[in-house]
Amino acid sequence: MNVPAAMDRFEPGVVTRAELAQALNMALFAGLLERVPTGRAYTEDVVREGARVQFDHGALRTVRWPHCGALPPGEAAFTRILRPLGYRLNGTYPLDRIKMTGRSYAHLDAPEHIAQFFVSELHPERFSAEFQQAVTDVVGSSVDPLTPQAVAWLAELERDAALPLADACALLPVLVRCFDRQHMTPRLSDYQTLRAESAEMAWIATEGNAFNHATDRVADVFAVADAQRALGRPIKERVEVSKSGRVKQTAFQADPVVRVFRGDDGTEARREVPGSFYEFITRDTYVDEETGRVALDLGFDAGNATGIFKMTAAA
C-alpha cells in the first residue's frame, strides 16, 4: 500500500492522529483481504508487478435505529471514533432506492492520501412493521466494544491530535474490533424476513459493521475492469460514472461466506451468504472555483453508490 509521504516525518514516542488513522486503515484493509479471496488475488498481482495499492476508501454499513443494544444508533457508533482521528464530514448522499443515507468522511491532515470512510445508515422506519421487528431482534443484542479507557484515549486524541506511543498501540486493536459484528448470531427466520425487503440489512445481519468493501484508486478503472474480466474474475458488468463524470467506480461481486444462523427450535443452520468485496475507483481532477487550485475530486455519487451496493445482493 502507498503510505502518505507525511508519515516519513515523525516524533519518537508520539503518534499523531494521522498516523493512527493510517494504521487503522491498514489493519482494516488487511482484515478485508483475509475475508475476500478475489481482492487478495488482485492485490497479490499488484505486488508481483512491483506496484502498490492506493487505498481510496473503506465502506461500512450501520442501522439508524433506537434498539441497537449498547451501541449508539447508526453512524454515531463510528463518528465518535472518526472525529478524534481527524476525520470530518465531506459529503452526504441520499440512497433513497435502498432506503439508506451515505456519508463520506475525509481526513483533515491529508485528505487525498489517507483513505476516506464511507459510512451508510439504513432506515428501518421506511420498511414494514415485520421488518422493523426483525431489525430489533437482530441488532438489539449489540454490545459496545469501545471500552471506557478507549473513550478516554479518544478524548485525549481529539484534544491534542496525538497520543503517547504506548496508548496509541493499546487503542488501535480496540478500534479494529469496532469494525465487526457486535450482535448475537441472527435467527434464520429474521434473516429471511430482512432479505425479503433489503439485501443491505440482510448483509448487516450476518456481517455487522465489518468493512463492506475496500477500494483501490487506479488510473483507469475501465482498463482494470477489462483486465480483471479477462482473468475470469467476477467483476461488475459496467462501470458506474458520477453525474460530474469525474468519479468512476466498479467492483468485484462479493465473495460468498458461510455463516451460522439460529433456528427457531434452537438448532444451528449454516448458509452461504454474500460477504465483503473489493472495489476500484478512478478520480479525476477539477479546478476549485474559489481557490483556482487543481484538486482531486474526493466526492462520491448516490447513483454510483447504489449500483456498487448491489455487489452484496448477487447471492
Protein backbone atom coordinates (compact mmCIF):
# COMPACT_ATOMS: atom_id res chain seq x y z
CA MET A 1 0.00 0.00 0.00
CA ASN A 2 1.14 3.54 -0.67
CA VAL A 3 1.78 5.35 2.61
CA PRO A 4 1.39 9.17 2.72
CA ALA A 5 4.72 10.96 2.46
CA ALA A 6 3.85 12.88 5.63
CA MET A 7 4.40 9.64 7.56
CA ASP A 8 8.13 9.92 6.84
CA ARG A 9 8.34 12.74 9.41
CA PHE A 10 7.57 11.68 12.96
CA GLU A 11 8.32 12.39 16.60
CA PRO A 12 9.68 9.42 18.57
CA GLY A 13 7.28 8.20 21.25
CA VAL A 14 4.32 10.19 19.88
CA VAL A 15 1.60 9.06 17.47
CA THR A 16 -0.34 11.75 15.61
CA ARG A 17 -3.99 11.38 14.67
CA ALA A 18 -2.93 10.99 11.02
CA GLU A 19 -0.54 8.17 11.89
CA LEU A 20 -3.16 6.38 13.96
CA ALA A 21 -5.77 6.84 11.21
CA GLN A 22 -3.35 5.37 8.67
CA ALA A 23 -2.55 2.43 10.97
CA LEU A 24 -6.27 1.72 11.48
CA ASN A 25 -6.89 1.86 7.72
CA MET A 26 -4.06 -0.56 7.05
CA ALA A 27 -5.30 -3.01 9.68
CA LEU A 28 -8.85 -2.90 8.32
CA PHE A 29 -7.60 -3.30 4.74
CA ALA A 30 -5.57 -6.35 5.78
CA GLY A 31 -8.62 -7.79 7.53
CA LEU A 32 -10.73 -7.38 4.43
CA LEU A 33 -8.15 -9.20 2.29
CA GLU A 34 -8.35 -12.14 4.70
CA ARG A 35 -12.12 -12.38 4.05
CA VAL A 36 -12.13 -11.56 0.33
CA PRO A 37 -10.12 -14.04 -1.78
CA THR A 38 -10.82 -12.16 -5.02
CA GLY A 39 -9.43 -8.92 -3.60
CA ARG A 40 -6.44 -10.78 -2.17
CA ALA A 41 -5.67 -12.35 -5.57
CA TYR A 42 -5.84 -8.92 -7.23
CA THR A 43 -3.56 -7.39 -4.58
CA GLU A 44 -1.05 -10.20 -4.99
CA ASP A 45 -1.00 -9.42 -8.73
CA VAL A 46 -0.28 -5.75 -7.94
CA VAL A 47 2.63 -6.75 -5.69
CA ARG A 48 4.06 -9.12 -8.29
CA GLU A 49 4.04 -6.28 -10.80
CA GLY A 50 6.08 -4.13 -8.43
CA ALA A 51 3.22 -1.67 -7.83
CA ARG A 52 1.20 -0.68 -4.75
CA VAL A 53 -2.43 -0.19 -3.90
CA GLN A 54 -3.65 3.38 -3.33
CA PHE A 55 -6.26 2.80 -0.64
CA ASP A 56 -9.01 5.29 -1.51
CA HIS A 57 -11.80 4.50 0.95
CA GLY A 58 -13.35 1.83 3.10
CA ALA A 59 -17.10 1.43 3.48
CA LEU A 60 -19.26 0.15 6.30
CA ARG A 61 -22.98 -0.17 6.97
CA THR A 62 -24.91 0.82 10.08
CA VAL A 63 -28.55 0.86 11.22
CA ARG A 64 -30.13 4.10 12.43
CA TRP A 65 -32.48 2.53 14.97
CA PRO A 66 -33.11 3.20 18.65
CA HIS A 67 -32.89 -0.51 19.50
CA CYS A 68 -29.20 -1.22 18.86
CA GLY A 69 -28.39 -2.70 22.25
CA ALA A 70 -25.36 -1.00 23.82
CA LEU A 71 -24.26 0.59 20.54
CA PRO A 72 -25.10 4.18 19.59
CA PRO A 73 -27.54 4.11 16.67
CA GLY A 74 -26.32 4.36 13.09
CA GLU A 75 -23.17 6.18 12.16
CA ALA A 76 -22.88 7.72 15.64
CA ALA A 77 -21.13 4.49 16.65
CA PHE A 78 -18.31 5.49 14.28
CA THR A 79 -18.26 9.28 14.19
CA ARG A 80 -17.20 9.10 17.87
CA ILE A 81 -14.08 7.33 16.53
CA LEU A 82 -13.57 9.16 13.25
CA ARG A 83 -13.66 12.72 14.64
CA PRO A 84 -10.82 12.21 17.15
CA LEU A 85 -8.81 10.55 14.37
CA GLY A 86 -9.05 13.76 12.34
CA TYR A 87 -11.94 12.96 10.00
CA ARG A 88 -14.66 15.45 9.04
CA LEU A 89 -17.86 15.12 7.03
CA ASN A 90 -17.09 15.52 3.34
CA GLY A 91 -20.46 14.77 1.73
CA THR A 92 -23.97 13.39 2.29
CA TYR A 93 -25.63 11.10 -0.24
CA PRO A 94 -29.32 10.10 -0.10
CA LEU A 95 -29.58 6.47 -1.23
CA ASP A 96 -33.35 6.51 -1.50
CA ARG A 97 -33.71 3.45 -3.72
CA ILE A 98 -32.27 1.24 -0.96
CA LYS A 99 -33.66 3.39 1.89
CA MET A 100 -30.28 4.38 3.23
CA THR A 101 -28.15 7.52 3.64
CA GLY A 102 -24.43 7.55 2.92
CA ARG A 103 -21.87 9.98 4.29
CA SER A 104 -18.20 10.33 3.42
CA TYR A 105 -15.51 11.39 5.88
CA ALA A 106 -12.16 12.76 4.73
CA HIS A 107 -9.06 13.33 6.82
CA LEU A 108 -8.18 16.93 7.63
CA ASP A 109 -4.41 16.44 7.51
CA ALA A 110 -4.03 14.57 4.21
CA PRO A 111 -7.43 14.21 2.50
CA GLU A 112 -6.05 12.98 -0.82
CA HIS A 113 -3.67 10.44 0.72
CA ILE A 114 -5.32 8.98 3.84
CA ALA A 115 -8.26 6.75 2.92
CA GLN A 116 -11.74 8.14 3.42
CA PHE A 117 -14.58 6.34 5.20
CA PHE A 118 -17.97 5.92 3.52
CA VAL A 119 -20.48 5.25 6.31
CA SER A 120 -24.05 4.35 5.39
CA GLU A 121 -27.14 4.19 7.58
CA LEU A 122 -30.18 2.04 6.89
CA HIS A 123 -33.59 3.49 7.89
CA PRO A 124 -35.83 0.67 9.20
CA GLU A 125 -38.78 3.03 9.64
CA ARG A 126 -39.15 3.07 5.84
CA PHE A 127 -39.87 -0.67 5.83
CA SER A 128 -42.71 -2.89 7.06
CA ALA A 129 -43.54 -3.46 10.74
CA GLU A 130 -42.43 -7.10 10.38
CA PHE A 131 -39.10 -5.94 9.01
CA GLN A 132 -38.65 -3.44 11.86
CA GLN A 133 -39.25 -6.16 14.45
CA ALA A 134 -36.66 -8.38 12.75
CA VAL A 135 -34.17 -5.50 12.85
CA THR A 136 -34.76 -5.12 16.59
CA ASP A 137 -34.42 -8.86 17.11
CA VAL A 138 -31.08 -8.88 15.29
CA VAL A 139 -29.27 -5.72 16.43
CA GLY A 140 -30.91 -5.39 19.84
CA SER A 141 -28.26 -7.68 21.34
CA SER A 142 -25.34 -5.49 20.21
CA VAL A 143 -22.51 -4.90 22.63
CA ASP A 144 -20.20 -1.89 22.62
CA PRO A 145 -16.55 -2.85 22.05
CA LEU A 146 -15.35 0.67 22.88
CA THR A 147 -14.08 0.46 26.46
CA PRO A 148 -14.12 3.39 28.94
CA GLN A 149 -10.33 3.58 28.68
CA ALA A 150 -10.58 3.75 24.86
CA VAL A 151 -13.13 6.57 25.18
CA ALA A 152 -10.69 8.46 27.40
CA TRP A 153 -7.86 7.97 24.91
CA LEU A 154 -10.08 9.20 22.07
CA ALA A 155 -10.94 12.32 24.07
CA GLU A 156 -7.23 12.98 24.58
CA LEU A 157 -6.58 12.37 20.89
CA GLU A 158 -9.32 14.82 19.91
CA ARG A 159 -7.89 17.44 22.28
CA ASP A 160 -4.19 17.08 21.43
CA ALA A 161 -4.28 15.50 17.92
CA ALA A 162 -1.73 12.96 19.22
CA LEU A 163 -1.22 10.22 21.81
CA PRO A 164 1.79 8.68 23.55
CA LEU A 165 3.00 5.65 21.60
CA ALA A 166 2.03 3.11 24.29
CA ASP A 167 -1.53 4.45 24.49
CA ALA A 168 -1.93 4.50 20.71
CA CYS A 169 -0.70 0.89 20.48
CA ALA A 170 -3.24 -0.14 23.13
CA LEU A 171 -6.07 1.82 21.48
CA LEU A 172 -5.59 0.51 17.95
CA PRO A 173 -6.83 -3.09 18.48
CA VAL A 174 -9.89 -1.76 20.34
CA LEU A 175 -10.73 0.43 17.34
CA VAL A 176 -10.25 -2.50 14.96
CA ARG A 177 -12.74 -4.57 17.00
CA CYS A 178 -15.37 -1.86 16.46
CA PHE A 179 -15.44 -2.79 12.77
CA ASP A 180 -17.04 -6.18 13.25
CA ARG A 181 -20.40 -7.75 14.06
CA GLN A 182 -21.43 -6.77 17.58
CA HIS A 183 -24.76 -8.63 17.83
CA MET A 184 -25.56 -12.28 18.53
CA THR A 185 -25.92 -14.97 15.88
CA PRO A 186 -29.11 -14.00 13.99
CA ARG A 187 -32.14 -16.25 13.70
CA LEU A 188 -32.62 -17.67 10.23
CA SER A 189 -36.26 -16.57 10.22
CA ASP A 190 -35.23 -12.96 10.96
CA TYR A 191 -32.58 -13.09 8.23
CA GLN A 192 -35.16 -14.29 5.70
CA THR A 193 -37.57 -11.53 6.72
CA LEU A 194 -34.85 -8.90 6.28
CA ARG A 195 -33.61 -10.30 2.99
CA ALA A 196 -37.13 -10.19 1.52
CA GLU A 197 -37.12 -6.38 1.80
CA SER A 198 -33.47 -5.31 1.98
CA ALA A 199 -30.36 -7.14 0.80
CA GLU A 200 -28.36 -4.47 2.64
CA MET A 201 -29.98 -5.16 6.04
CA ALA A 202 -29.64 -8.90 5.47
CA TRP A 203 -25.94 -8.30 4.93
CA ILE A 204 -25.69 -6.34 8.17
CA ALA A 205 -27.42 -9.23 9.97
CA THR A 206 -24.54 -11.59 9.14
CA GLU A 207 -21.56 -9.23 8.77
CA GLY A 208 -22.42 -6.35 11.10
CA ASN A 209 -20.16 -3.29 10.88
CA ALA A 210 -17.27 -5.04 9.13
CA PHE A 211 -15.73 -3.32 6.13
CA ASN A 212 -18.30 -3.86 3.38
CA HIS A 213 -15.60 -3.10 0.83
CA ALA A 214 -12.18 -1.51 0.39
CA THR A 215 -11.22 0.42 -2.71
CA ASP A 216 -8.09 0.78 -4.82
CA ARG A 217 -7.73 4.16 -6.55
CA VAL A 218 -6.48 3.37 -10.05
CA ALA A 219 -5.53 5.49 -13.06
CA ASP A 220 -8.01 3.86 -15.47
CA VAL A 221 -10.86 1.88 -13.95
CA PHE A 222 -12.09 0.79 -17.39
CA ALA A 223 -8.74 -0.82 -18.21
CA VAL A 224 -8.61 -2.51 -14.80
CA ALA A 225 -12.13 -3.87 -15.27
CA ASP A 226 -11.25 -5.27 -18.71
CA ALA A 227 -8.07 -6.88 -17.38
CA GLN A 228 -9.86 -8.49 -14.41
CA ARG A 229 -12.67 -9.72 -16.68
CA ALA A 230 -10.09 -11.30 -18.98
CA LEU A 231 -8.70 -13.17 -15.97
CA GLY A 232 -12.14 -14.61 -15.32
CA ARG A 233 -12.72 -12.72 -12.09
CA PRO A 234 -16.31 -11.75 -11.17
CA ILE A 235 -16.16 -8.04 -11.97
CA LYS A 236 -19.26 -5.86 -12.35
CA GLU A 237 -20.67 -5.70 -15.88
CA ARG A 238 -20.41 -1.93 -16.20
CA VAL A 239 -18.52 0.95 -14.64
CA GLU A 240 -20.57 3.44 -12.61
CA VAL A 241 -19.91 7.06 -13.66
CA SER A 242 -20.90 10.03 -11.48
CA LYS A 243 -23.08 12.87 -12.74
CA SER A 244 -19.97 15.06 -12.86
CA GLY A 245 -18.17 12.46 -14.97
CA ARG A 246 -15.13 12.71 -12.68
CA VAL A 247 -15.70 9.70 -10.39
CA LYS A 248 -15.81 6.24 -11.95
CA GLN A 249 -16.27 3.03 -9.95
CA THR A 250 -16.61 -0.71 -10.40
CA ALA A 251 -16.17 -3.74 -8.17
CA PHE A 252 -15.91 -7.48 -7.87
CA GLN A 253 -19.00 -9.39 -6.84
CA ALA A 254 -18.98 -10.10 -3.11
CA ASP A 255 -17.14 -13.28 -2.22
CA PRO A 256 -19.51 -15.82 -0.62
CA VAL A 257 -19.03 -16.82 3.01
CA VAL A 258 -20.70 -19.47 5.17
CA ARG A 259 -22.45 -18.11 8.25
CA VAL A 260 -24.21 -19.75 11.19
CA PHE A 261 -27.87 -18.99 11.99
CA ARG A 262 -30.10 -19.95 14.91
CA GLY A 263 -33.24 -21.91 14.17
CA ASP A 264 -36.48 -21.14 16.00
CA ASP A 265 -36.15 -24.56 17.63
CA GLY A 266 -32.68 -23.76 18.99
CA THR A 267 -30.76 -25.71 16.37
CA GLU A 268 -27.99 -24.22 14.22
CA ALA A 269 -28.09 -23.88 10.45
CA ARG A 270 -25.35 -22.87 8.02
CA ARG A 271 -25.98 -20.90 4.86
CA GLU A 272 -23.79 -19.41 2.16
CA VAL A 273 -24.35 -15.64 2.02
CA PRO A 274 -22.64 -12.64 0.37
CA GLY A 275 -19.56 -11.43 2.25
CA SER A 276 -17.42 -8.34 1.60
CA PHE A 277 -15.94 -7.27 -1.71
CA TYR A 278 -13.19 -5.24 -3.39
CA GLU A 279 -13.78 -2.07 -5.39
CA PHE A 280 -11.90 0.12 -7.88
CA ILE A 281 -12.22 3.87 -8.39
CA THR A 282 -10.77 6.49 -10.71
CA ARG A 283 -10.91 10.11 -9.56
CA ASP A 284 -10.29 12.98 -11.97
CA THR A 285 -9.09 16.44 -11.02
CA TYR A 286 -11.00 19.71 -11.29
CA VAL A 287 -10.30 23.41 -10.77
CA ASP A 288 -11.63 24.73 -7.46
CA GLU A 289 -13.62 27.87 -8.33
CA GLU A 290 -12.84 29.57 -5.00
CA THR A 291 -9.09 29.00 -4.91
CA GLY A 292 -8.25 28.32 -8.56
CA ARG A 293 -6.31 25.27 -7.36
CA VAL A 294 -6.39 21.97 -9.22
CA ALA A 295 -7.75 19.36 -6.81
CA LEU A 296 -8.65 15.70 -6.86
CA ASP A 297 -12.40 15.12 -6.79
CA LEU A 298 -12.85 13.36 -3.44
CA GLY A 299 -16.63 13.27 -3.74
CA PHE A 300 -18.96 10.33 -4.22
CA ASP A 301 -22.20 9.90 -6.15
CA ALA A 302 -25.52 8.49 -4.90
CA GLY A 303 -26.14 6.64 -8.16
CA ASN A 304 -22.66 5.14 -8.14
CA ALA A 305 -23.02 4.04 -4.51
CA THR A 306 -26.41 2.43 -5.10
CA GLY A 307 -25.00 0.47 -8.03
CA ILE A 308 -21.93 -0.63 -6.09
CA PHE A 309 -24.05 -1.74 -3.12
CA LYS A 310 -25.67 -4.36 -5.38
CA MET A 311 -22.43 -6.35 -5.23
CA THR A 312 -23.64 -7.91 -1.97
CA ALA A 313 -27.06 -8.80 -3.38
CA ALA A 314 -25.77 -11.23 -6.00
CA ALA A 315 -26.18 -14.37 -3.89
